[in-house]
Amino acid sequence: MNNLDAVVVDVDDICQTFLPTWKKHLIFSGIKQRNKSSYLSVSEVITFHQSECRNFKTYYIHFVCCYLSNEFPELVSYTRMLTFMQKLLVLLCSYLTHR
């Protein structure tokens, strides 16, 4: 489990510097948008996306939800995870490019 801890810490470090800078450069439409907080942190969502499995759905449902539920007690459903991943696509691409 040490490898998982190292990845989460690495991703979290990137998030601490990237997210504030990214938010400064976003163009706002003036329309109020909900900023509903999730149960998972940004670093956890990005970490789960880095699986070496060919199928993320199988990895998330049969590995993460079954074996990592103790480490991440606030796991969300697979469809909710996909929504989070879509919102974090820019961060994910940046992280993977730099690593």
PDB file of N, CA and C in Angstrom:
ATOM      1  N   MET A   1       0.820  -1.199   0.000  1.00  0.00           N
ATOM      2  CA  MET A   1       0.000   0.000   0.000  1.00  0.00           C
ATOM      3  C   MET A   1       0.859   1.257   0.000  1.00  0.00           C
ATOM      4  N   ASN A   2       2.134   1.124   0.255  1.00  0.00           N
ATOM      5  CA  ASN A   2       3.020   2.286   0.255  1.00  0.00           C
ATOM      6  C   ASN A   2       3.061   2.958  -1.103  1.00  0.00           C
ATOM      7  N   ASN A   3       2.978   2.182  -2.181  1.00  0.00           N
ATOM      8  CA  ASN A   3       3.001   2.750  -3.514  1.00  0.00           C
ATOM      9  C   ASN A   3       1.776   3.637  -3.732  1.00  0.00           C
ATOM     10  N   LEU A   4       0.618   3.199  -3.277  1.00  0.00           N
ATOM     11  CA  LEU A   4      -0.603   3.996  -3.390  1.00  0.00           C
ATOM     12  C   LEU A   4      -0.463   5.295  -2.610  1.00  0.00           C
ATOM     13  N   ASP A   5       0.087   5.221  -1.418  1.00  0.00           N
ATOM     14  CA  ASP A   5       0.292   6.420  -0.609  1.00  0.00           C
ATOM     15  C   ASP A   5       1.207   7.408  -1.322  1.00  0.00           C
ATOM     16  N   ALA A   6       2.268   6.896  -1.923  1.00  0.00           N
ATOM     17  CA  ALA A   6       3.213   7.761  -2.626  1.00  0.00           C
ATOM     18  C   ALA A   6       2.555   8.446  -3.819  1.00  0.00           C
ATOM     19  N   VAL A   7       1.723   7.723  -4.543  1.00  0.00           N
ATOM     20  CA  VAL A   7       1.042   8.308  -5.704  1.00  0.00           C
ATOM     21  C   VAL A   7       0.060   9.380  -5.260  1.00  0.00           C
ATOM     22  N   VAL A   8      -0.715   9.110  -4.220  1.00  0.00           N
ATOM     23  CA  VAL A   8      -1.689  10.095  -3.726  1.00  0.00           C
ATOM     24  C   VAL A   8      -0.968  11.356  -3.265  1.00  0.00           C
ATOM     25  N   VAL A   9       0.146  11.217  -2.569  1.00  0.00           N
ATOM     26  CA  VAL A   9       0.907  12.383  -2.099  1.00  0.00           C
ATOM     27  C   VAL A   9       1.480  13.157  -3.281  1.00  0.00           C
ATOM     28  N   ASP A  10       2.007  12.443  -4.272  1.00  0.00           N
ATOM     29  CA  ASP A  10       2.566  13.095  -5.462  1.00  0.00           C
ATOM     30  C   ASP A  10       1.498  13.880  -6.211  1.00  0.00           C
ATOM     31  N   VAL A  11       0.348  13.267  -6.416  1.00  0.00           N
ATOM     32  CA  VAL A  11      -0.750  13.945  -7.110  1.00  0.00           C
ATOM     33  C   VAL A  11      -1.253  15.120  -6.287  1.00  0.00           C
ATOM     34  N   ASP A  12      -1.339  14.964  -4.989  1.00  0.00           N
ATOM     35  CA  ASP A  12      -1.809  16.040  -4.131  1.00  0.00           C
ATOM     36  C   ASP A  12      -0.862  17.238  -4.178  1.00  0.00           C
ATOM     37  N   ASP A  13       0.428  16.984  -4.242  1.00  0.00           N
ATOM     38  CA  ASP A  13       1.403  18.077  -4.364  1.00  0.00           C
ATOM     39  C   ASP A  13       1.199  18.858  -5.659  1.00  0.00           C
ATOM     40  N   ILE A  14       0.958  18.148  -6.747  1.00  0.00           N
ATOM     41  CA  ILE A  14       0.699  18.810  -8.033  1.00  0.00           C
ATOM     42  C   ILE A  14      -0.590  19.628  -7.955  1.00  0.00           C
ATOM     43  N   CYS A  15      -1.606  19.066  -7.331  1.00  0.00           N
ATOM     44  CA  CYS A  15      -2.895  19.763  -7.218  1.00  0.00           C
ATOM     45  C   CYS A  15      -2.775  21.065  -6.433  1.00  0.00           C
ATOM     46  N   GLN A  16      -1.941  21.060  -5.402  1.00  0.00           N
ATOM     47  CA  GLN A  16      -1.781  22.253  -4.568  1.00  0.00           C
ATOM     48  C   GLN A  16      -1.234  23.432  -5.360  1.00  0.00           C
ATOM     49  N   THR A  17      -0.403  23.166  -6.354  1.00  0.00           N
ATOM     50  CA  THR A  17       0.164  24.253  -7.155  1.00  0.00           C
ATOM     51  C   THR A  17      -0.635  24.517  -8.431  1.00  0.00           C
ATOM     52  N   PHE A  18      -1.178  23.468  -9.031  1.00  0.00           N
ATOM     53  CA  PHE A  18      -1.840  23.621 -10.318  1.00  0.00           C
ATOM     54  C   PHE A  18      -3.229  24.255 -10.212  1.00  0.00           C
ATOM     55  N   LEU A  19      -4.051  23.794  -9.290  1.00  0.00           N
ATOM     56  CA  LEU A  19      -5.447  24.245  -9.227  1.00  0.00           C
ATOM     57  C   LEU A  19      -5.606  25.749  -9.008  1.00  0.00           C
ATOM     58  N   PRO A  20      -4.892  26.386  -8.079  1.00  0.00           N
ATOM     59  CA  PRO A  20      -5.053  27.838  -7.928  1.00  0.00           C
ATOM     60  C   PRO A  20      -4.644  28.611  -9.187  1.00  0.00           C
ATOM     61  N   THR A  21      -3.565  28.171  -9.827  1.00  0.00           N
ATOM     62  CA  THR A  21      -3.110  28.831 -11.052  1.00  0.00           C
ATOM     63  C   THR A  21      -4.118  28.646 -12.176  1.00  0.00           C
ATOM     64  N   TRP A  22      -4.653  27.456 -12.275  1.00  0.00           N
ATOM     65  CA  TRP A  22      -5.631  27.145 -13.323  1.00  0.00           C
ATOM     66  C   TRP A  22      -6.901  27.973 -13.145  1.00  0.00           C
ATOM     67  N   LYS A  23      -7.367  28.104 -11.910  1.00  0.00           N
ATOM     68  CA  LYS A  23      -8.595  28.871 -11.649  1.00  0.00           C
ATOM     69  C   LYS A  23      -8.429  30.347 -11.995  1.00  0.00           C
ATOM     70  N   LYS A  24      -7.212  30.873 -11.865  1.00  0.00           N
ATOM     71  CA  LYS A  24      -6.971  32.273 -12.220  1.00  0.00           C
ATOM     72  C   LYS A  24      -7.125  32.508 -13.719  1.00  0.00           C
ATOM     73  N   HIS A  25      -6.842  31.504 -14.514  1.00  0.00           N
ATOM     74  CA  HIS A  25      -6.855  31.656 -15.964  1.00  0.00           C
ATOM     75  C   HIS A  25      -8.178  31.260 -16.616  1.00  0.00           C
ATOM     76  N   LEU A  26      -9.116  30.782 -15.833  1.00  0.00           N
ATOM     77  CA  LEU A  26     -10.409  30.407 -16.396  1.00  0.00           C
ATOM     78  C   LEU A  26     -11.211  31.657 -16.765  1.00  0.00           C
ATOM     79  N   ILE A  27     -11.961  31.554 -17.832  1.00  0.00           N
ATOM     80  CA  ILE A  27     -12.844  32.647 -18.241  1.00  0.00           C
ATOM     81  C   ILE A  27     -14.231  32.343 -17.685  1.00  0.00           C
ATOM     82  N   PHE A  28     -14.759  33.263 -16.911  1.00  0.00           N
ATOM     83  CA  PHE A  28     -16.063  33.049 -16.298  1.00  0.00           C
ATOM     84  C   PHE A  28     -17.149  33.639 -17.179  1.00  0.00           C
ATOM     85  N   SER A  29     -18.264  32.950 -17.289  1.00  0.00           N
ATOM     86  CA  SER A  29     -19.362  33.386 -18.136  1.00  0.00           C
ATOM     87  C   SER A  29     -20.288  34.358 -17.416  1.00  0.00           C
ATOM     88  N   GLY A  30     -20.139  34.511 -16.143  1.00  0.00           N
ATOM     89  CA  GLY A  30     -21.010  35.382 -15.374  1.00  0.00           C
ATOM     90  C   GLY A  30     -22.216  34.646 -14.810  1.00  0.00           C
ATOM     91  N   ILE A  31     -22.419  33.438 -15.256  1.00  0.00           N
ATOM     92  CA  ILE A  31     -23.525  32.622 -14.761  1.00  0.00           C
ATOM     93  C   ILE A  31     -23.057  31.899 -13.507  1.00  0.00           C
ATOM     94  N   LYS A  32     -23.883  31.947 -12.477  1.00  0.00           N
ATOM     95  CA  LYS A  32     -23.525  31.243 -11.252  1.00  0.00           C
ATOM     96  C   LYS A  32     -23.520  29.744 -11.511  1.00  0.00           C
ATOM     97  N   GLN A  33     -22.471  29.104 -11.034  1.00  0.00           N
ATOM     98  CA  GLN A  33     -22.365  27.661 -11.164  1.00  0.00           C
ATOM     99  C   GLN A  33     -22.192  27.058  -9.784  1.00  0.00           C
ATOM    100  N   ARG A  34     -22.776  25.893  -9.621  1.00  0.00           N
ATOM    101  CA  ARG A  34     -22.642  25.210  -8.349  1.00  0.00           C
ATOM    102  C   ARG A  34     -21.231  24.677  -8.210  1.00  0.00           C
ATOM    103  N   ASN A  35     -20.706  24.796  -7.048  1.00  0.00           N
ATOM    104  CA  ASN A  35     -19.387  24.255  -6.746  1.00  0.00           C
ATOM    105  C   ASN A  35     -19.548  23.254  -5.616  1.00  0.00           C
ATOM    106  N   LYS A  36     -20.316  22.230  -5.900  1.00  0.00           N
ATOM    107  CA  LYS A  36     -20.624  21.231  -4.893  1.00  0.00           C
ATOM    108  C   LYS A  36     -19.376  20.415  -4.562  1.00  0.00           C
ATOM    109  N   SER A  37     -19.061  20.328  -3.294  1.00  0.00           N
ATOM    110  CA  SER A  37     -17.881  19.566  -2.909  1.00  0.00           C
ATOM    111  C   SER A  37     -18.182  18.068  -3.011  1.00  0.00           C
ATOM    112  N   SER A  38     -17.150  17.321  -3.322  1.00  0.00           N
ATOM    113  CA  SER A  38     -17.316  15.879  -3.440  1.00  0.00           C
ATOM    114  C   SER A  38     -16.740  15.208  -2.207  1.00  0.00           C
ATOM    115  N   TYR A  39     -17.000  13.926  -2.106  1.00  0.00           N
ATOM    116  CA  TYR A  39     -16.453  13.176  -0.993  1.00  0.00           C
ATOM    117  C   TYR A  39     -14.993  12.821  -1.221  1.00  0.00           C
ATOM    118  N   LEU A  40     -14.602  12.798  -2.486  1.00  0.00           N
ATOM    119  CA  LEU A  40     -13.221  12.459  -2.813  1.00  0.00           C
ATOM    120  C   LEU A  40     -12.447  13.724  -3.124  1.00  0.00           C
ATOM    121  N   SER A  41     -11.185  13.721  -2.768  1.00  0.00           N
ATOM    122  CA  SER A  41     -10.344  14.857  -3.118  1.00  0.00           C
ATOM    123  C   SER A  41      -9.927  14.741  -4.584  1.00  0.00           C
ATOM    124  N   VAL A  42      -9.438  15.825  -5.124  1.00  0.00           N
ATOM    125  CA  VAL A  42      -8.974  15.840  -6.509  1.00  0.00           C
ATOM    126  C   VAL A  42      -7.854  14.821  -6.695  1.00  0.00           C
ATOM    127  N   SER A  43      -6.957  14.750  -5.742  1.00  0.00           N
ATOM    128  CA  SER A  43      -5.839  13.817  -5.864  1.00  0.00           C
ATOM    129  C   SER A  43      -6.308  12.364  -5.856  1.00  0.00           C
ATOM    130  N   GLU A  44      -7.361  12.051  -5.115  1.00  0.00           N
ATOM    131  CA  GLU A  44      -7.876  10.686  -5.109  1.00  0.00           C
ATOM    132  C   GLU A  44      -8.488  10.318  -6.456  1.00  0.00           C
ATOM    133  N   VAL A  45      -9.212  11.244  -7.055  1.00  0.00           N
ATOM    134  CA  VAL A  45      -9.820  10.981  -8.360  1.00  0.00           C
ATOM    135  C   VAL A  45      -8.734  10.739  -9.408  1.00  0.00           C
ATOM    136  N   ILE A  46      -7.723  11.582  -9.415  1.00  0.00           N
ATOM    137  CA  ILE A  46      -6.624  11.431 -10.369  1.00  0.00           C
ATOM    138  C   ILE A  46      -5.869  10.124 -10.116  1.00  0.00           C
ATOM    139  N   THR A  47      -5.659   9.766  -8.870  1.00  0.00           N
ATOM    140  CA  THR A  47      -4.950   8.534  -8.529  1.00  0.00           C
ATOM    141  C   THR A  47      -5.686   7.319  -9.057  1.00  0.00           C
ATOM    142  N   PHE A  48      -6.993   7.281  -8.892  1.00  0.00           N
ATOM    143  CA  PHE A  48      -7.764   6.137  -9.359  1.00  0.00           C
ATOM    144  C   PHE A  48      -7.724   6.028 -10.874  1.00  0.00           C
ATOM    145  N   HIS A  49      -7.575   7.132 -11.553  1.00  0.00           N
ATOM    146  CA  HIS A  49      -7.570   7.116 -13.005  1.00  0.00           C
ATOM    147  C   HIS A  49      -6.279   6.531 -13.572  1.00  0.00           C
ATOM    148  N   GLN A  50      -5.255   6.395 -12.776  1.00  0.00           N
ATOM    149  CA  GLN A  50      -3.957   5.933 -13.253  1.00  0.00           C
ATOM    150  C   GLN A  50      -3.799   4.425 -13.243  1.00  0.00           C
ATOM    151  N   SER A  51      -4.851   3.693 -13.258  1.00  0.00           N
ATOM    152  CA  SER A  51      -4.736   2.241 -13.229  1.00  0.00           C
ATOM    153  C   SER A  51      -4.081   1.724 -14.502  1.00  0.00           C
ATOM    154  N   GLU A  52      -3.453   0.593 -14.387  1.00  0.00           N
ATOM    155  CA  GLU A  52      -2.851  -0.032 -15.554  1.00  0.00           C
ATOM    156  C   GLU A  52      -3.813  -0.989 -16.232  1.00  0.00           C
ATOM    157  N   CYS A  53      -5.016  -1.064 -15.734  1.00  0.00           N
ATOM    158  CA  CYS A  53      -6.026  -1.937 -16.331  1.00  0.00           C
ATOM    159  C   CYS A  53      -6.527  -1.343 -17.642  1.00  0.00           C
ATOM    160  N   ARG A  54      -6.957  -2.197 -18.518  1.00  0.00           N
ATOM    161  CA  ARG A  54      -7.471  -1.737 -19.805  1.00  0.00           C
ATOM    162  C   ARG A  54      -8.875  -1.164 -19.656  1.00  0.00           C
ATOM    163  N   ASN A  55      -9.586  -1.572 -18.633  1.00  0.00           N
ATOM    164  CA  ASN A  55     -10.962  -1.165 -18.463  1.00  0.00           C
ATOM    165  C   ASN A  55     -11.115  -0.489 -17.102  1.00  0.00           C
ATOM    166  N   PHE A  56     -11.335   0.816 -17.110  1.00  0.00           N
ATOM    167  CA  PHE A  56     -11.428   1.551 -15.847  1.00  0.00           C
ATOM    168  C   PHE A  56     -12.630   1.102 -15.025  1.00  0.00           C
ATOM    169  N   LYS A  57     -13.733   0.780 -15.666  1.00  0.00           N
ATOM    170  CA  LYS A  57     -14.943   0.378 -14.942  1.00  0.00           C
ATOM    171  C   LYS A  57     -14.680  -0.870 -14.105  1.00  0.00           C
ATOM    172  N   THR A  58     -14.059  -1.867 -14.696  1.00  0.00           N
ATOM    173  CA  THR A  58     -13.749  -3.094 -13.970  1.00  0.00           C
ATOM    174  C   THR A  58     -12.778  -2.811 -12.835  1.00  0.00           C
ATOM    175  N   TYR A  59     -11.759  -2.015 -13.128  1.00  0.00           N
ATOM    176  CA  TYR A  59     -10.782  -1.656 -12.098  1.00  0.00           C
ATOM    177  C   TYR A  59     -11.463  -0.968 -10.924  1.00  0.00           C
ATOM    178  N   TYR A  60     -12.316   0.018 -11.206  1.00  0.00           N
ATOM    179  CA  TYR A  60     -12.931   0.791 -10.135  1.00  0.00           C
ATOM    180  C   TYR A  60     -13.923  -0.043  -9.326  1.00  0.00           C
ATOM    181  N   ILE A  61     -14.777  -0.764 -10.022  1.00  0.00           N
ATOM    182  CA  ILE A  61     -15.833  -1.517  -9.330  1.00  0.00           C
ATOM    183  C   ILE A  61     -15.282  -2.744  -8.609  1.00  0.00           C
ATOM    184  N   HIS A  62     -14.389  -3.473  -9.276  1.00  0.00           N
ATOM    185  CA  HIS A  62     -13.935  -4.753  -8.714  1.00  0.00           C
ATOM    186  C   HIS A  62     -12.639  -4.665  -7.916  1.00  0.00           C
ATOM    187  N   PHE A  63     -11.906  -3.594  -8.041  1.00  0.00           N
ATOM    188  CA  PHE A  63     -10.691  -3.476  -7.231  1.00  0.00           C
ATOM    189  C   PHE A  63     -10.797  -2.351  -6.210  1.00  0.00           C
ATOM    190  N   VAL A  64     -11.006  -1.134  -6.690  1.00  0.00           N
ATOM    191  CA  VAL A  64     -11.035   0.014  -5.783  1.00  0.00           C
ATOM    192  C   VAL A  64     -12.164  -0.119  -4.766  1.00  0.00           C
ATOM    193  N   CYS A  65     -13.372  -0.358  -5.244  1.00  0.00           N
ATOM    194  CA  CYS A  65     -14.513  -0.436  -4.326  1.00  0.00           C
ATOM    195  C   CYS A  65     -14.452  -1.644  -3.400  1.00  0.00           C
ATOM    196  N   CYS A  66     -13.845  -2.734  -3.864  1.00  0.00           N
ATOM    197  CA  CYS A  66     -13.768  -3.941  -3.035  1.00  0.00           C
ATOM    198  C   CYS A  66     -12.595  -3.927  -2.060  1.00  0.00           C
ATOM    199  N   TYR A  67     -11.411  -3.559  -2.552  1.00  0.00           N
ATOM    200  CA  TYR A  67     -10.204  -3.713  -1.744  1.00  0.00           C
ATOM    201  C   TYR A  67      -9.678  -2.430  -1.124  1.00  0.00           C
ATOM    202  N   LEU A  68     -10.084  -1.287  -1.628  1.00  0.00           N
ATOM    203  CA  LEU A  68      -9.566  -0.022  -1.092  1.00  0.00           C
ATOM    204  C   LEU A  68     -10.614   0.767  -0.317  1.00  0.00           C
ATOM    205  N   SER A  69     -11.719   0.158  -0.027  1.00  0.00           N
ATOM    206  CA  SER A  69     -12.778   0.882   0.687  1.00  0.00           C
ATOM    207  C   SER A  69     -12.367   1.264   2.107  1.00  0.00           C
ATOM    208  N   ASN A  70     -11.441   0.532   2.703  1.00  0.00           N
ATOM    209  CA  ASN A  70     -10.957   0.901   4.042  1.00  0.00           C
ATOM    210  C   ASN A  70     -10.092   2.149   3.993  1.00  0.00           C
ATOM    211  N   GLU A  71      -9.277   2.270   2.938  1.00  0.00           N
ATOM    212  CA  GLU A  71      -8.409   3.432   2.799  1.00  0.00           C
ATOM    213  C   GLU A  71      -9.179   4.670   2.350  1.00  0.00           C
ATOM    214  N   PHE A  72     -10.258   4.467   1.583  1.00  0.00           N
ATOM    215  CA  PHE A  72     -11.076   5.562   1.065  1.00  0.00           C
ATOM    216  C   PHE A  72     -12.541   5.299   1.435  1.00  0.00           C
ATOM    217  N   PRO A  73     -12.935   5.628   2.652  1.00  0.00           N
ATOM    218  CA  PRO A  73     -14.288   5.279   3.119  1.00  0.00           C
ATOM    219  C   PRO A  73     -15.411   6.055   2.430  1.00  0.00           C
ATOM    220  N   GLU A  74     -15.106   7.136   1.756  1.00  0.00           N
ATOM    221  CA  GLU A  74     -16.132   7.959   1.118  1.00  0.00           C
ATOM    222  C   GLU A  74     -16.190   7.745  -0.398  1.00  0.00           C
ATOM    223  N   LEU A  75     -15.947   6.534  -0.855  1.00  0.00           N
ATOM    224  CA  LEU A  75     -15.966   6.258  -2.293  1.00  0.00           C
ATOM    225  C   LEU A  75     -17.343   6.546  -2.881  1.00  0.00           C
ATOM    226  N   VAL A  76     -17.336   6.998  -4.118  1.00  0.00           N
ATOM    227  CA  VAL A  76     -18.581   7.312  -4.816  1.00  0.00           C
ATOM    228  C   VAL A  76     -18.850   6.231  -5.858  1.00  0.00           C
ATOM    229  N   SER A  77     -20.031   6.283  -6.447  1.00  0.00           N
ATOM    230  CA  SER A  77     -20.384   5.299  -7.464  1.00  0.00           C
ATOM    231  C   SER A  77     -19.529   5.501  -8.711  1.00  0.00           C
ATOM    232  N   TYR A  78     -19.546   4.520  -9.570  1.00  0.00           N
ATOM    233  CA  TYR A  78     -18.760   4.575 -10.798  1.00  0.00           C
ATOM    234  C   TYR A  78     -19.198   5.744 -11.675  1.00  0.00           C
ATOM    235  N   THR A  79     -20.491   5.968 -11.821  1.00  0.00           N
ATOM    236  CA  THR A  79     -20.966   7.070 -12.677  1.00  0.00           C
ATOM    237  C   THR A  79     -20.574   8.426 -12.099  1.00  0.00           C
ATOM    238  N   ARG A  80     -20.598   8.560 -10.790  1.00  0.00           N
ATOM    239  CA  ARG A  80     -20.175   9.816 -10.159  1.00  0.00           C
ATOM    240  C   ARG A  80     -18.670  10.026 -10.354  1.00  0.00           C
ATOM    241  N   MET A  81     -17.908   8.937 -10.308  1.00  0.00           N
ATOM    242  CA  MET A  81     -16.477   9.036 -10.546  1.00  0.00           C
ATOM    243  C   MET A  81     -16.194   9.511 -11.965  1.00  0.00           C
ATOM    244  N   LEU A  82     -16.969   9.047 -12.937  1.00  0.00           N
ATOM    245  CA  LEU A  82     -16.790   9.502 -14.315  1.00  0.00           C
ATOM    246  C   LEU A  82     -17.060  10.997 -14.445  1.00  0.00           C
ATOM    247  N   THR A  83     -18.035  11.498 -13.722  1.00  0.00           N
ATOM    248  CA  THR A  83     -18.330  12.931 -13.726  1.00  0.00           C
ATOM    249  C   THR A  83     -17.151  13.720 -13.166  1.00  0.00           C
ATOM    250  N   PHE A  84     -16.573  13.241 -12.074  1.00  0.00           N
ATOM    251  CA  PHE A  84     -15.405  13.901 -11.493  1.00  0.00           C
ATOM    252  C   PHE A  84     -14.242  13.905 -12.474  1.00  0.00           C
ATOM    253  N   MET A  85     -14.029  12.769 -13.143  1.00  0.00           N
ATOM    254  CA  MET A  85     -12.903  12.656 -14.059  1.00  0.00           C
ATOM    255  C   MET A  85     -13.046  13.614 -15.240  1.00  0.00           C
ATOM    256  N   GLN A  86     -14.257  13.818 -15.723  1.00  0.00           N
ATOM    257  CA  GLN A  86     -14.476  14.754 -16.822  1.00  0.00           C
ATOM    258  C   GLN A  86     -14.121  16.174 -16.408  1.00  0.00           C
ATOM    259  N   LYS A  87     -14.428  16.531 -15.188  1.00  0.00           N
ATOM    260  CA  LYS A  87     -14.138  17.875 -14.701  1.00  0.00           C
ATOM    261  C   LYS A  87     -12.640  18.098 -14.494  1.00  0.00           C
ATOM    262  N   LEU A  88     -11.900  17.022 -14.316  1.00  0.00           N
ATOM    263  CA  LEU A  88     -10.478  17.134 -14.007  1.00  0.00           C
ATOM    264  C   LEU A  88      -9.586  16.717 -15.169  1.00  0.00           C
ATOM    265  N   LEU A  89     -10.117  16.712 -16.361  1.00  0.00           N
ATOM    266  CA  LEU A  89      -9.362  16.250 -17.518  1.00  0.00           C
ATOM    267  C   LEU A  89      -8.103  17.085 -17.760  1.00  0.00           C
ATOM    268  N   VAL A  90      -8.201  18.397 -17.632  1.00  0.00           N
ATOM    269  CA  VAL A  90      -7.038  19.262 -17.852  1.00  0.00           C
ATOM    270  C   VAL A  90      -5.946  18.963 -16.825  1.00  0.00           C
ATOM    271  N   LEU A  91      -6.330  18.829 -15.580  1.00  0.00           N
ATOM    272  CA  LEU A  91      -5.359  18.508 -14.528  1.00  0.00           C
ATOM    273  C   LEU A  91      -4.741  17.139 -14.769  1.00  0.00           C
ATOM    274  N   LEU A  92      -5.544  16.169 -15.142  1.00  0.00           N
ATOM    275  CA  LEU A  92      -5.031  14.834 -15.406  1.00  0.00           C
ATOM    276  C   LEU A  92      -4.009  14.846 -16.539  1.00  0.00           C
ATOM    277  N   CYS A  93      -4.329  15.536 -17.616  1.00  0.00           N
ATOM    278  CA  CYS A  93      -3.394  15.633 -18.752  1.00  0.00           C
ATOM    279  C   CYS A  93      -2.098  16.324 -18.344  1.00  0.00           C
ATOM    280  N   SER A  94      -2.211  17.365 -17.556  1.00  0.00           N
ATOM    281  CA  SER A  94      -1.021  18.067 -17.090  1.00  0.00           C
ATOM    282  C   SER A  94      -0.167  17.175 -16.206  1.00  0.00           C
ATOM    283  N   TYR A  95      -0.808  16.469 -15.300  1.00  0.00           N
ATOM    284  CA  TYR A  95      -0.065  15.577 -14.399  1.00  0.00           C
ATOM    285  C   TYR A  95       0.652  14.482 -15.188  1.00  0.00           C
ATOM    286  N   LEU A  96      -0.065  13.832 -16.088  1.00  0.00           N
ATOM    287  CA  LEU A  96       0.532  12.733 -16.848  1.00  0.00           C
ATOM    288  C   LEU A  96       1.642  13.220 -17.777  1.00  0.00           C
ATOM    289  N   THR A  97       1.523  14.440 -18.282  1.00  0.00           N
ATOM    290  CA  THR A  97       2.563  15.003 -19.139  1.00  0.00           C
ATOM    291  C   THR A  97       3.846  15.244 -18.343  1.00  0.00           C
ATOM    292  N   HIS A  98       3.707  15.703 -17.120  1.00  0.00           N
ATOM    293  CA  HIS A  98       4.877  16.023 -16.311  1.00  0.00           C
ATOM    294  C   HIS A  98       5.465  14.811 -15.586  1.00  0.00           C
ATOM    295  N   ARG A  99       4.759  13.720 -15.581  1.00  0.00           N
ATOM    296  CA  ARG A  99       5.266  12.527 -14.911  1.00  0.00           C
ATOM    297  C   ARG A  99       5.637  11.495 -15.937  1.00  0.00           C
TER     298      ARG A  99
END
